[in-house]
Amino acid sequence: MIREMQEKDINYLVDLGYVMHQESSFADLEYDKDKVRELGQEILHTNNYCCFIYDRENTIIGFIIGICGHYYFNHQKYASDYLLYVDPNKRGSIAAIRLLKELEKWAKLQNCTEIRLGS
């Protein structure tokens, strides 16, 4: 099931973010849990962010964070993925596709003219 992030998810996502960080090319850089918690609060309380959770049997197996902004050269809006992560044991499943589809729906509701993916 896909659902929006809730306040109760933030600490778990901070820990999952650490796992993601250790897999990444940024693993040699510091991982500041407080900074990541602040991002979670910003996502919850700012309209230009979204975070969708892929929850299977009350276990978070993946998430996507999206952001909506304007091009620097005009007033059109676009959306982009900020983070996309799926548990390594669940990769190859439909989780990432469903998360991307949810981002696409959200972007349309935000009146974005396109989605520019970084993942």
PDB file of N, CA and C in Angstrom:
ATOM      1  N   MET A   1       0.843  -1.174   0.000  1.00  0.00           N
ATOM      2  CA  MET A   1       0.000   0.000   0.000  1.00  0.00           C
ATOM      3  C   MET A   1       0.889   1.239   0.000  1.00  0.00           C
ATOM      4  N   ILE A   2       0.487   2.218  -0.781  1.00  0.00           N
ATOM      5  CA  ILE A   2       1.173   3.509  -0.812  1.00  0.00           C
ATOM      6  C   ILE A   2       0.369   4.475   0.048  1.00  0.00           C
ATOM      7  N   ARG A   3       1.085   5.233   0.865  1.00  0.00           N
ATOM      8  CA  ARG A   3       0.437   6.230   1.702  1.00  0.00           C
ATOM      9  C   ARG A   3       1.366   7.418   1.890  1.00  0.00           C
ATOM     10  N   GLU A   4       0.802   8.519   2.334  1.00  0.00           N
ATOM     11  CA  GLU A   4       1.619   9.694   2.628  1.00  0.00           C
ATOM     12  C   GLU A   4       2.380   9.479   3.930  1.00  0.00           C
ATOM     13  N   MET A   5       3.557  10.084   4.016  1.00  0.00           N
ATOM     14  CA  MET A   5       4.331  10.031   5.241  1.00  0.00           C
ATOM     15  C   MET A   5       3.555  10.705   6.369  1.00  0.00           C
ATOM     16  N   GLN A   6       3.708  10.154   7.556  1.00  0.00           N
ATOM     17  CA  GLN A   6       3.100  10.719   8.755  1.00  0.00           C
ATOM     18  C   GLN A   6       4.209  11.036   9.755  1.00  0.00           C
ATOM     19  N   GLU A   7       3.876  11.839  10.733  1.00  0.00           N
ATOM     20  CA  GLU A   7       4.832  12.221  11.789  1.00  0.00           C
ATOM     21  C   GLU A   7       5.483  10.992  12.410  1.00  0.00           C
ATOM     22  N   LYS A   8       4.697   9.953  12.639  1.00  0.00           N
ATOM     23  CA  LYS A   8       5.203   8.740  13.294  1.00  0.00           C
ATOM     24  C   LYS A   8       6.255   8.006  12.456  1.00  0.00           C
ATOM     25  N   ASP A   9       6.345   8.305  11.168  1.00  0.00           N
ATOM     26  CA  ASP A   9       7.293   7.625  10.274  1.00  0.00           C
ATOM     27  C   ASP A   9       8.694   8.238  10.310  1.00  0.00           C
ATOM     28  N   ILE A  10       8.799   9.454  10.800  1.00  0.00           N
ATOM     29  CA  ILE A  10      10.050  10.198  10.630  1.00  0.00           C
ATOM     30  C   ILE A  10      11.253   9.462  11.220  1.00  0.00           C
ATOM     31  N   ASN A  11      11.173   8.996  12.453  1.00  0.00           N
ATOM     32  CA  ASN A  11      12.342   8.332  13.053  1.00  0.00           C
ATOM     33  C   ASN A  11      12.741   7.077  12.288  1.00  0.00           C
ATOM     34  N   TYR A  12      11.757   6.309  11.834  1.00  0.00           N
ATOM     35  CA  TYR A  12      12.073   5.119  11.051  1.00  0.00           C
ATOM     36  C   TYR A  12      12.747   5.513   9.728  1.00  0.00           C
ATOM     37  N   LEU A  13      12.223   6.557   9.088  1.00  0.00           N
ATOM     38  CA  LEU A  13      12.804   7.000   7.818  1.00  0.00           C
ATOM     39  C   LEU A  13      14.208   7.564   8.009  1.00  0.00           C
ATOM     40  N   VAL A  14      14.458   8.197   9.150  1.00  0.00           N
ATOM     41  CA  VAL A  14      15.819   8.672   9.454  1.00  0.00           C
ATOM     42  C   VAL A  14      16.775   7.481   9.488  1.00  0.00           C
ATOM     43  N   ASP A  15      16.361   6.394  10.141  1.00  0.00           N
ATOM     44  CA  ASP A  15      17.195   5.191  10.198  1.00  0.00           C
ATOM     45  C   ASP A  15      17.335   4.536   8.832  1.00  0.00           C
ATOM     46  N   LEU A  16      16.242   4.476   8.074  1.00  0.00           N
ATOM     47  CA  LEU A  16      16.300   3.910   6.725  1.00  0.00           C
ATOM     48  C   LEU A  16      17.173   4.780   5.825  1.00  0.00           C
ATOM     49  N   GLY A  17      17.108   6.096   6.035  1.00  0.00           N
ATOM     50  CA  GLY A  17      17.969   7.009   5.293  1.00  0.00           C
ATOM     51  C   GLY A  17      19.441   6.740   5.549  1.00  0.00           C
ATOM     52  N   TYR A  18      19.760   6.320   6.758  1.00  0.00           N
ATOM     53  CA  TYR A  18      21.153   5.978   7.064  1.00  0.00           C
ATOM     54  C   TYR A  18      21.596   4.759   6.254  1.00  0.00           C
ATOM     55  N   VAL A  19      20.723   3.766   6.155  1.00  0.00           N
ATOM     56  CA  VAL A  19      21.030   2.572   5.346  1.00  0.00           C
ATOM     57  C   VAL A  19      21.262   3.000   3.896  1.00  0.00           C
ATOM     58  N   MET A  20      20.393   3.879   3.400  1.00  0.00           N
ATOM     59  CA  MET A  20      20.537   4.396   2.031  1.00  0.00           C
ATOM     60  C   MET A  20      21.871   5.127   1.883  1.00  0.00           C
ATOM     61  N   HIS A  21      22.195   5.948   2.856  1.00  0.00           N
ATOM     62  CA  HIS A  21      23.439   6.720   2.853  1.00  0.00           C
ATOM     63  C   HIS A  21      24.660   5.804   2.778  1.00  0.00           C
ATOM     64  N   GLN A  22      24.630   4.714   3.541  1.00  0.00           N
ATOM     65  CA  GLN A  22      25.769   3.799   3.562  1.00  0.00           C
ATOM     66  C   GLN A  22      25.945   3.059   2.238  1.00  0.00           C
ATOM     67  N   GLU A  23      24.872   2.919   1.465  1.00  0.00           N
ATOM     68  CA  GLU A  23      24.939   2.283   0.147  1.00  0.00           C
ATOM     69  C   GLU A  23      25.437   3.240  -0.930  1.00  0.00           C
ATOM     70  N   SER A  24      25.417   4.522  -0.632  1.00  0.00           N
ATOM     71  CA  SER A  24      25.629   5.533  -1.660  1.00  0.00           C
ATOM     72  C   SER A  24      27.094   5.952  -1.791  1.00  0.00           C
ATOM     73  N   SER A  25      27.339   6.775  -2.783  1.00  0.00           N
ATOM     74  CA  SER A  25      28.675   7.333  -2.975  1.00  0.00           C
ATOM     75  C   SER A  25      29.000   8.402  -1.935  1.00  0.00           C
ATOM     76  N   PHE A  26      28.028   8.730  -1.068  1.00  0.00           N
ATOM     77  CA  PHE A  26      28.227   9.715  -0.014  1.00  0.00           C
ATOM     78  C   PHE A  26      28.570   9.065   1.327  1.00  0.00           C
ATOM     79  N   ALA A  27      28.782   7.767   1.346  1.00  0.00           N
ATOM     80  CA  ALA A  27      28.982   7.025   2.596  1.00  0.00           C
ATOM     81  C   ALA A  27      30.158   7.552   3.409  1.00  0.00           C
ATOM     82  N   ASP A  28      31.127   8.178   2.760  1.00  0.00           N
ATOM     83  CA  ASP A  28      32.284   8.709   3.500  1.00  0.00           C
ATOM     84  C   ASP A  28      31.995  10.069   4.137  1.00  0.00           C
ATOM     85  N   LEU A  29      30.816  10.647   3.861  1.00  0.00           N
ATOM     86  CA  LEU A  29      30.421  11.914   4.462  1.00  0.00           C
ATOM     87  C   LEU A  29      29.557  11.657   5.699  1.00  0.00           C
ATOM     88  N   GLU A  30      29.565  12.608   6.619  1.00  0.00           N
ATOM     89  CA  GLU A  30      28.785  12.485   7.845  1.00  0.00           C
ATOM     90  C   GLU A  30      27.290  12.375   7.544  1.00  0.00           C
ATOM     91  N   TYR A  31      26.600  11.562   8.319  1.00  0.00           N
ATOM     92  CA  TYR A  31      25.140  11.455   8.251  1.00  0.00           C
ATOM     93  C   TYR A  31      24.593  12.072   9.532  1.00  0.00           C
ATOM     94  N   ASP A  32      23.955  13.217   9.409  1.00  0.00           N
ATOM     95  CA  ASP A  32      23.447  13.973  10.546  1.00  0.00           C
ATOM     96  C   ASP A  32      21.958  13.669  10.730  1.00  0.00           C
ATOM     97  N   LYS A  33      21.641  12.811  11.698  1.00  0.00           N
ATOM     98  CA  LYS A  33      20.254  12.388  11.921  1.00  0.00           C
ATOM     99  C   LYS A  33      19.346  13.565  12.265  1.00  0.00           C
ATOM    100  N   ASP A  34      19.857  14.543  13.006  1.00  0.00           N
ATOM    101  CA  ASP A  34      19.035  15.706  13.350  1.00  0.00           C
ATOM    102  C   ASP A  34      18.665  16.501  12.109  1.00  0.00           C
ATOM    103  N   LYS A  35      19.607  16.646  11.189  1.00  0.00           N
ATOM    104  CA  LYS A  35      19.323  17.363   9.940  1.00  0.00           C
ATOM    105  C   LYS A  35      18.259  16.622   9.126  1.00  0.00           C
ATOM    106  N   VAL A  36      18.353  15.307   9.112  1.00  0.00           N
ATOM    107  CA  VAL A  36      17.379  14.503   8.358  1.00  0.00           C
ATOM    108  C   VAL A  36      15.998  14.590   9.018  1.00  0.00           C
ATOM    109  N   ARG A  37      15.957  14.600  10.355  1.00  0.00           N
ATOM    110  CA  ARG A  37      14.673  14.796  11.054  1.00  0.00           C
ATOM    111  C   ARG A  37      14.057  16.149  10.690  1.00  0.00           C
ATOM    112  N   GLU A  38      14.895  17.188  10.617  1.00  0.00           N
ATOM    113  CA  GLU A  38      14.410  18.517  10.217  1.00  0.00           C
ATOM    114  C   GLU A  38      13.804  18.468   8.821  1.00  0.00           C
ATOM    115  N   LEU A  39      14.441  17.726   7.919  1.00  0.00           N
ATOM    116  CA  LEU A  39      13.886  17.566   6.574  1.00  0.00           C
ATOM    117  C   LEU A  39      12.518  16.899   6.653  1.00  0.00           C
ATOM    118  N   GLY A  40      12.374  15.883   7.502  1.00  0.00           N
ATOM    119  CA  GLY A  40      11.081  15.221   7.669  1.00  0.00           C
ATOM    120  C   GLY A  40      10.001  16.195   8.107  1.00  0.00           C
ATOM    121  N   GLN A  41      10.328  17.068   9.041  1.00  0.00           N
ATOM    122  CA  GLN A  41       9.366  18.076   9.489  1.00  0.00           C
ATOM    123  C   GLN A  41       9.038  19.064   8.371  1.00  0.00           C
ATOM    124  N   GLU A  42      10.059  19.453   7.617  1.00  0.00           N
ATOM    125  CA  GLU A  42       9.832  20.375   6.504  1.00  0.00           C
ATOM    126  C   GLU A  42       8.904  19.747   5.464  1.00  0.00           C
ATOM    127  N   ILE A  43       9.108  18.485   5.193  1.00  0.00           N
ATOM    128  CA  ILE A  43       8.256  17.783   4.223  1.00  0.00           C
ATOM    129  C   ILE A  43       6.808  17.775   4.696  1.00  0.00           C
ATOM    130  N   LEU A  44       6.603  17.518   5.980  1.00  0.00           N
ATOM    131  CA  LEU A  44       5.241  17.473   6.528  1.00  0.00           C
ATOM    132  C   LEU A  44       4.541  18.826   6.500  1.00  0.00           C
ATOM    133  N   HIS A  45       5.298  19.900   6.605  1.00  0.00           N
ATOM    134  CA  HIS A  45       4.697  21.213   6.803  1.00  0.00           C
ATOM    135  C   HIS A  45       4.909  22.189   5.647  1.00  0.00           C
ATOM    136  N   THR A  46       5.407  21.701   4.519  1.00  0.00           N
ATOM    137  CA  THR A  46       5.644  22.552   3.361  1.00  0.00           C
ATOM    138  C   THR A  46       4.951  21.942   2.148  1.00  0.00           C
ATOM    139  N   ASN A  47       4.190  22.750   1.430  1.00  0.00           N
ATOM    140  CA  ASN A  47       3.404  22.239   0.304  1.00  0.00           C
ATOM    141  C   ASN A  47       4.230  21.832  -0.907  1.00  0.00           C
ATOM    142  N   ASN A  48       5.462  22.322  -1.025  1.00  0.00           N
ATOM    143  CA  ASN A  48       6.218  21.986  -2.231  1.00  0.00           C
ATOM    144  C   ASN A  48       6.986  20.663  -2.103  1.00  0.00           C
ATOM    145  N   TYR A  49       6.808  19.952  -0.995  1.00  0.00           N
ATOM    146  CA  TYR A  49       7.394  18.624  -0.809  1.00  0.00           C
ATOM    147  C   TYR A  49       6.280  17.588  -0.684  1.00  0.00           C
ATOM    148  N   CYS A  50       6.632  16.364  -1.010  1.00  0.00           N
ATOM    149  CA  CYS A  50       5.773  15.227  -0.707  1.00  0.00           C
ATOM    150  C   CYS A  50       6.662  14.062  -0.311  1.00  0.00           C
ATOM    151  N   CYS A  51       6.112  13.146   0.441  1.00  0.00           N
ATOM    152  CA  CYS A  51       6.811  11.895   0.744  1.00  0.00           C
ATOM    153  C   CYS A  51       5.770  10.791   0.774  1.00  0.00           C
ATOM    154  N   PHE A  52       5.965   9.801  -0.071  1.00  0.00           N
ATOM    155  CA  PHE A  52       5.078   8.657  -0.117  1.00  0.00           C
ATOM    156  C   PHE A  52       5.841   7.416   0.341  1.00  0.00           C
ATOM    157  N   ILE A  53       5.137   6.606   1.107  1.00  0.00           N
ATOM    158  CA  ILE A  53       5.691   5.403   1.721  1.00  0.00           C
ATOM    159  C   ILE A  53       5.083   4.188   1.033  1.00  0.00           C
ATOM    160  N   TYR A  54       5.915   3.200   0.725  1.00  0.00           N
ATOM    161  CA  TYR A  54       5.414   1.898   0.291  1.00  0.00           C
ATOM    162  C   TYR A  54       5.432   1.016   1.523  1.00  0.00           C
ATOM    163  N   ASP A  55       4.256   0.684   2.006  1.00  0.00           N
ATOM    164  CA  ASP A  55       4.083  -0.043   3.255  1.00  0.00           C
ATOM    165  C   ASP A  55       3.486  -1.409   2.936  1.00  0.00           C
ATOM    166  N   ARG A  56       4.178  -2.440   3.322  1.00  0.00           N
ATOM    167  CA  ARG A  56       3.668  -3.800   3.112  1.00  0.00           C
ATOM    168  C   ARG A  56       3.592  -4.488   4.474  1.00  0.00           C
ATOM    169  N   GLU A  57       2.369  -4.799   4.885  1.00  0.00           N
ATOM    170  CA  GLU A  57       2.129  -5.474   6.162  1.00  0.00           C
ATOM    171  C   GLU A  57       2.783  -4.723   7.323  1.00  0.00           C
ATOM    172  N   ASN A  58       2.547  -3.407   7.371  1.00  0.00           N
ATOM    173  CA  ASN A  58       3.059  -2.517   8.417  1.00  0.00           C
ATOM    174  C   ASN A  58       4.581  -2.429   8.468  1.00  0.00           C
ATOM    175  N   THR A  59       5.222  -2.694   7.345  1.00  0.00           N
ATOM    176  CA  THR A  59       6.671  -2.533   7.233  1.00  0.00           C
ATOM    177  C   THR A  59       6.950  -1.623   6.048  1.00  0.00           C
ATOM    178  N   ILE A  60       7.716  -0.573   6.304  1.00  0.00           N
ATOM    179  CA  ILE A  60       8.095   0.347   5.233  1.00  0.00           C
ATOM    180  C   ILE A  60       9.203  -0.302   4.424  1.00  0.00           C
ATOM    181  N   ILE A  61       8.928  -0.526   3.140  1.00  0.00           N
ATOM    182  CA  ILE A  61       9.958  -1.139   2.299  1.00  0.00           C
ATOM    183  C   ILE A  61      10.531  -0.156   1.283  1.00  0.00           C
ATOM    184  N   GLY A  62       9.943   1.031   1.213  1.00  0.00           N
ATOM    185  CA  GLY A  62      10.474   2.033   0.305  1.00  0.00           C
ATOM    186  C   GLY A  62       9.767   3.356   0.482  1.00  0.00           C
ATOM    187  N   PHE A  63      10.380   4.395  -0.073  1.00  0.00           N
ATOM    188  CA  PHE A  63       9.776   5.719  -0.006  1.00  0.00           C
ATOM    189  C   PHE A  63      10.304   6.580  -1.145  1.00  0.00           C
ATOM    190  N   ILE A  64       9.543   7.612  -1.448  1.00  0.00           N
ATOM    191  CA  ILE A  64       9.980   8.610  -2.418  1.00  0.00           C
ATOM    192  C   ILE A  64       9.662   9.979  -1.841  1.00  0.00           C
ATOM    193  N   ILE A  65      10.610  10.879  -1.978  1.00  0.00           N
ATOM    194  CA  ILE A  65      10.399  12.278  -1.611  1.00  0.00           C
ATOM    195  C   ILE A  65      10.437  13.071  -2.907  1.00  0.00           C
ATOM    196  N   GLY A  66       9.423  13.879  -3.107  1.00  0.00           N
ATOM    197  CA  GLY A  66       9.347  14.725  -4.293  1.00  0.00           C
ATOM    198  C   GLY A  66       9.357  16.185  -3.910  1.00  0.00           C
ATOM    199  N   ILE A  67       9.746  17.001  -4.839  1.00  0.00           N
ATOM    200  CA  ILE A  67       9.758  18.443  -4.624  1.00  0.00           C
ATOM    201  C   ILE A  67       9.218  19.117  -5.875  1.00  0.00           C
ATOM    202  N   CYS A  68       8.504  20.199  -5.678  1.00  0.00           N
ATOM    203  CA  CYS A  68       7.936  20.973  -6.768  1.00  0.00           C
ATOM    204  C   CYS A  68       8.561  22.360  -6.736  1.00  0.00           C
ATOM    205  N   GLY A  69       8.997  22.824  -7.874  1.00  0.00           N
ATOM    206  CA  GLY A  69       9.600  24.158  -7.960  1.00  0.00           C
ATOM    207  C   GLY A  69       9.321  24.790  -9.299  1.00  0.00           C
ATOM    208  N   HIS A  70       9.883  25.963  -9.478  1.00  0.00           N
ATOM    209  CA  HIS A  70       9.748  26.698 -10.734  1.00  0.00           C
ATOM    210  C   HIS A  70      11.092  26.705 -11.462  1.00  0.00           C
ATOM    211  N   TYR A  71      11.005  26.701 -12.765  1.00  0.00           N
ATOM    212  CA  TYR A  71      12.221  26.899 -13.545  1.00  0.00           C
ATOM    213  C   TYR A  71      12.785  28.281 -13.240  1.00  0.00           C
ATOM    214  N   TYR A  72      14.065  28.435 -13.336  1.00  0.00           N
ATOM    215  CA  TYR A  72      14.662  29.746 -13.064  1.00  0.00           C
ATOM    216  C   TYR A  72      14.355  30.747 -14.175  1.00  0.00           C
ATOM    217  N   PHE A  73      13.956  30.251 -15.341  1.00  0.00           N
ATOM    218  CA  PHE A  73      13.778  31.122 -16.505  1.00  0.00           C
ATOM    219  C   PHE A  73      12.326  31.426 -16.849  1.00  0.00           C
ATOM    220  N   ASN A  74      11.367  30.819 -16.126  1.00  0.00           N
ATOM    221  CA  ASN A  74       9.957  31.151 -16.345  1.00  0.00           C
ATOM    222  C   ASN A  74       9.143  30.745 -15.116  1.00  0.00           C
ATOM    223  N   HIS A  75       7.822  30.856 -15.205  1.00  0.00           N
ATOM    224  CA  HIS A  75       6.969  30.581 -14.060  1.00  0.00           C
ATOM    225  C   HIS A  75       6.326  29.200 -14.093  1.00  0.00           C
ATOM    226  N   GLN A  76       6.726  28.356 -15.031  1.00  0.00           N
ATOM    227  CA  GLN A  76       6.184  27.006 -15.075  1.00  0.00           C
ATOM    228  C   GLN A  76       6.748  26.190 -13.915  1.00  0.00           C
ATOM    229  N   LYS A  77       5.904  25.288 -13.434  1.00  0.00           N
ATOM    230  CA  LYS A  77       6.312  24.427 -12.335  1.00  0.00           C
ATOM    231  C   LYS A  77       6.742  23.060 -12.859  1.00  0.00           C
ATOM    232  N   TYR A  78       7.700  22.479 -12.179  1.00  0.00           N
ATOM    233  CA  TYR A  78       8.117  21.112 -12.474  1.00  0.00           C
ATOM    234  C   TYR A  78       8.297  20.369 -11.148  1.00  0.00           C
ATOM    235  N   ALA A  79       8.275  19.063 -11.201  1.00  0.00           N
ATOM    236  CA  ALA A  79       8.512  18.232 -10.029  1.00  0.00           C
ATOM    237  C   ALA A  79       9.756  17.392 -10.275  1.00  0.00           C
ATOM    238  N   SER A  80      10.388  17.021  -9.186  1.00  0.00           N
ATOM    239  CA  SER A  80      11.563  16.172  -9.259  1.00  0.00           C
ATOM    240  C   SER A  80      11.570  15.240  -8.053  1.00  0.00           C
ATOM    241  N   ASP A  81      12.218  14.096  -8.216  1.00  0.00           N
ATOM    242  CA  ASP A  81      12.408  13.233  -7.052  1.00  0.00           C
ATOM    243  C   ASP A  81      13.607  13.768  -6.282  1.00  0.00           C
ATOM    244  N   TYR A  82      13.457  13.821  -4.982  1.00  0.00           N
ATOM    245  CA  TYR A  82      14.523  14.268  -4.100  1.00  0.00           C
ATOM    246  C   TYR A  82      15.282  13.052  -3.585  1.00  0.00           C
ATOM    247  N   LEU A  83      14.533  12.029  -3.234  1.00  0.00           N
ATOM    248  CA  LEU A  83      15.081  10.734  -2.807  1.00  0.00           C
ATOM    249  C   LEU A  83      14.120   9.628  -3.239  1.00  0.00           C
ATOM    250  N   LEU A  84      14.670   8.523  -3.639  1.00  0.00           N
ATOM    251  CA  LEU A  84      13.888   7.316  -3.915  1.00  0.00           C
ATOM    252  C   LEU A  84      14.689   6.159  -3.352  1.00  0.00           C
ATOM    253  N   TYR A  85      14.052   5.365  -2.505  1.00  0.00           N
ATOM    254  CA  TYR A  85      14.760   4.239  -1.899  1.00  0.00           C
ATOM    255  C   TYR A  85      13.815   3.068  -1.718  1.00  0.00           C
ATOM    256  N   VAL A  86      14.316   1.895  -2.055  1.00  0.00           N
ATOM    257  CA  VAL A  86      13.599   0.646  -1.823  1.00  0.00           C
ATOM    258  C   VAL A  86      14.572  -0.309  -1.131  1.00  0.00           C
ATOM    259  N   ASP A  87      14.086  -0.962  -0.087  1.00  0.00           N
ATOM    260  CA  ASP A  87      14.885  -1.926   0.657  1.00  0.00           C
ATOM    261  C   ASP A  87      15.565  -2.889  -0.324  1.00  0.00           C
ATOM    262  N   PRO A  88      16.857  -3.150  -0.137  1.00  0.00           N
ATOM    263  CA  PRO A  88      17.575  -4.029  -1.079  1.00  0.00           C
ATOM    264  C   PRO A  88      16.913  -5.391  -1.274  1.00  0.00           C
ATOM    265  N   ASN A  89      16.261  -5.915  -0.237  1.00  0.00           N
ATOM    266  CA  ASN A  89      15.603  -7.225  -0.346  1.00  0.00           C
ATOM    267  C   ASN A  89      14.308  -7.171  -1.137  1.00  0.00           C
ATOM    268  N   LYS A  90      13.815  -5.963  -1.416  1.00  0.00           N
ATOM    269  CA  LYS A  90      12.551  -5.805  -2.151  1.00  0.00           C
ATOM    270  C   LYS A  90      12.766  -5.214  -3.546  1.00  0.00           C
ATOM    271  N   ARG A  91      13.999  -5.006  -3.925  1.00  0.00           N
ATOM    272  CA  ARG A  91      14.269  -4.464  -5.255  1.00  0.00           C
ATOM    273  C   ARG A  91      13.923  -5.509  -6.305  1.00  0.00           C
ATOM    274  N   GLY A  92      13.479  -5.026  -7.437  1.00  0.00           N
ATOM    275  CA  GLY A  92      12.997  -5.928  -8.476  1.00  0.00           C
ATOM    276  C   GLY A  92      11.490  -6.134  -8.365  1.00  0.00           C
ATOM    277  N   SER A  93      10.914  -5.629  -7.288  1.00  0.00           N
ATOM    278  CA  SER A  93       9.464  -5.690  -7.120  1.00  0.00           C
ATOM    279  C   SER A  93       8.846  -4.475  -7.810  1.00  0.00           C
ATOM    280  N   ILE A  94       7.570  -4.299  -7.617  1.00  0.00           N
ATOM    281  CA  ILE A  94       6.862  -3.183  -8.242  1.00  0.00           C
ATOM    282  C   ILE A  94       6.925  -1.912  -7.381  1.00  0.00           C
ATOM    283  N   ALA A  95       7.579  -1.959  -6.229  1.00  0.00           N
ATOM    284  CA  ALA A  95       7.582  -0.845  -5.273  1.00  0.00           C
ATOM    285  C   ALA A  95       8.034   0.467  -5.901  1.00  0.00           C
ATOM    286  N   ALA A  96       9.168   0.497  -6.569  1.00  0.00           N
ATOM    287  CA  ALA A  96       9.691   1.751  -7.134  1.00  0.00           C
ATOM    288  C   ALA A  96       8.735   2.321  -8.187  1.00  0.00           C
ATOM    289  N   ILE A  97       8.175   1.472  -9.026  1.00  0.00           N
ATOM    290  CA  ILE A  97       7.234   1.922 -10.050  1.00  0.00           C
ATOM    291  C   ILE A  97       6.010   2.568  -9.405  1.00  0.00           C
ATOM    292  N   ARG A  98       5.485   1.925  -8.376  1.00  0.00           N
ATOM    293  CA  ARG A  98       4.297   2.478  -7.703  1.00  0.00           C
ATOM    294  C   ARG A  98       4.611   3.806  -7.021  1.00  0.00           C
ATOM    295  N   LEU A  99       5.775   3.909  -6.428  1.00  0.00           N
ATOM    296  CA  LEU A  99       6.164   5.169  -5.803  1.00  0.00           C
ATOM    297  C   LEU A  99       6.297   6.279  -6.852  1.00  0.00           C
ATOM    298  N   LEU A 100       6.891   5.959  -7.982  1.00  0.00           N
ATOM    299  CA  LEU A 100       7.020   6.952  -9.061  1.00  0.00           C
ATOM    300  C   LEU A 100       5.654   7.361  -9.604  1.00  0.00           C
ATOM    301  N   LYS A 101       4.744   6.419  -9.718  1.00  0.00           N
ATOM    302  CA  LYS A 101       3.380   6.740 -10.187  1.00  0.00           C
ATOM    303  C   LYS A 101       2.690   7.693  -9.199  1.00  0.00           C
ATOM    304  N   GLU A 102       2.915   7.488  -7.911  1.00  0.00           N
ATOM    305  CA  GLU A 102       2.317   8.361  -6.902  1.00  0.00           C
ATOM    306  C   GLU A 102       2.906   9.767  -6.991  1.00  0.00           C
ATOM    307  N   LEU A 103       4.205   9.847  -7.245  1.00  0.00           N
ATOM    308  CA  LEU A 103       4.851  11.151  -7.455  1.00  0.00           C
ATOM    309  C   LEU A 103       4.247  11.842  -8.677  1.00  0.00           C
ATOM    310  N   GLU A 104       4.001  11.073  -9.717  1.00  0.00           N
ATOM    311  CA  GLU A 104       3.405  11.629 -10.931  1.00  0.00           C
ATOM    312  C   GLU A 104       2.017  12.215 -10.645  1.00  0.00           C
ATOM    313  N   LYS A 105       1.195  11.481  -9.880  1.00  0.00           N
ATOM    314  CA  LYS A 105      -0.141  11.982  -9.524  1.00  0.00           C
ATOM    315  C   LYS A 105      -0.034  13.276  -8.715  1.00  0.00           C
ATOM    316  N   TRP A 106       0.876  13.288  -7.743  1.00  0.00           N
ATOM    317  CA  TRP A 106       1.069  14.471  -6.910  1.00  0.00           C
ATOM    318  C   TRP A 106       1.505  15.664  -7.756  1.00  0.00           C
ATOM    319  N   ALA A 107       2.425  15.439  -8.685  1.00  0.00           N
ATOM    320  CA  ALA A 107       2.923  16.516  -9.548  1.00  0.00           C
ATOM    321  C   ALA A 107       1.786  17.125 -10.367  1.00  0.00           C
ATOM    322  N   LYS A 108       0.895  16.300 -10.861  1.00  0.00           N
ATOM    323  CA  LYS A 108      -0.247  16.817 -11.620  1.00  0.00           C
ATOM    324  C   LYS A 108      -1.146  17.674 -10.740  1.00  0.00           C
ATOM    325  N   LEU A 109      -1.351  17.250  -9.494  1.00  0.00           N
ATOM    326  CA  LEU A 109      -2.163  18.042  -8.562  1.00  0.00           C
ATOM    327  C   LEU A 109      -1.503  19.386  -8.234  1.00  0.00           C
ATOM    328  N   GLN A 110      -0.183  19.430  -8.338  1.00  0.00           N
ATOM    329  CA  GLN A 110       0.564  20.665  -8.082  1.00  0.00           C
ATOM    330  C   GLN A 110       0.655  21.549  -9.337  1.00  0.00           C
ATOM    331  N   ASN A 111       0.026  21.105 -10.430  1.00  0.00           N
ATOM    332  CA  ASN A 111       0.064  21.808 -11.717  1.00  0.00           C
ATOM    333  C   ASN A 111       1.469  21.902 -12.305  1.00  0.00           C
ATOM    334  N   CYS A 112       2.250  20.859 -12.104  1.00  0.00           N
ATOM    335  CA  CYS A 112       3.593  20.808 -12.691  1.00  0.00           C
ATOM    336  C   CYS A 112       3.467  20.414 -14.161  1.00  0.00           C
ATOM    337  N   THR A 113       4.269  21.031 -14.995  1.00  0.00           N
ATOM    338  CA  THR A 113       4.205  20.744 -16.423  1.00  0.00           C
ATOM    339  C   THR A 113       5.029  19.509 -16.796  1.00  0.00           C
ATOM    340  N   GLU A 114       5.977  19.141 -15.945  1.00  0.00           N
ATOM    341  CA  GLU A 114       6.755  17.933 -16.202  1.00  0.00           C
ATOM    342  C   GLU A 114       7.410  17.439 -14.918  1.00  0.00           C
ATOM    343  N   ILE A 115       7.897  16.215 -14.996  1.00  0.00           N
ATOM    344  CA  ILE A 115       8.671  15.625 -13.899  1.00  0.00           C
ATOM    345  C   ILE A 115      10.071  15.359 -14.436  1.00  0.00           C
ATOM    346  N   ARG A 116      11.046  15.834 -13.697  1.00  0.00           N
ATOM    347  CA  ARG A 116      12.463  15.613 -14.037  1.00  0.00           C
ATOM    348  C   ARG A 116      13.057  14.724 -12.982  1.00  0.00           C
ATOM    349  N   LEU A 117      13.323  13.463 -13.335  1.00  0.00           N
ATOM    350  CA  LEU A 117      13.833  12.498 -12.378  1.00  0.00           C
ATOM    351  C   LEU A 117      15.357  12.532 -12.312  1.00  0.00           C
ATOM    352  N   GLY A 118      15.856  12.413 -11.096  1.00  0.00           N
ATOM    353  CA  GLY A 118      17.295  12.336 -10.892  1.00  0.00           C
ATOM    354  C   GLY A 118      17.741  10.928 -10.571  1.00  0.00           C
ATOM    355  N   SER A 119      16.784  10.092 -10.136  1.00  0.00           N
ATOM    356  CA  SER A 119      17.135   8.704  -9.756  1.00  0.00           C
ATOM    357  C   SER A 119      17.218   7.826 -10.984  1.00  0.00           C
TER     358      SER A 119
END
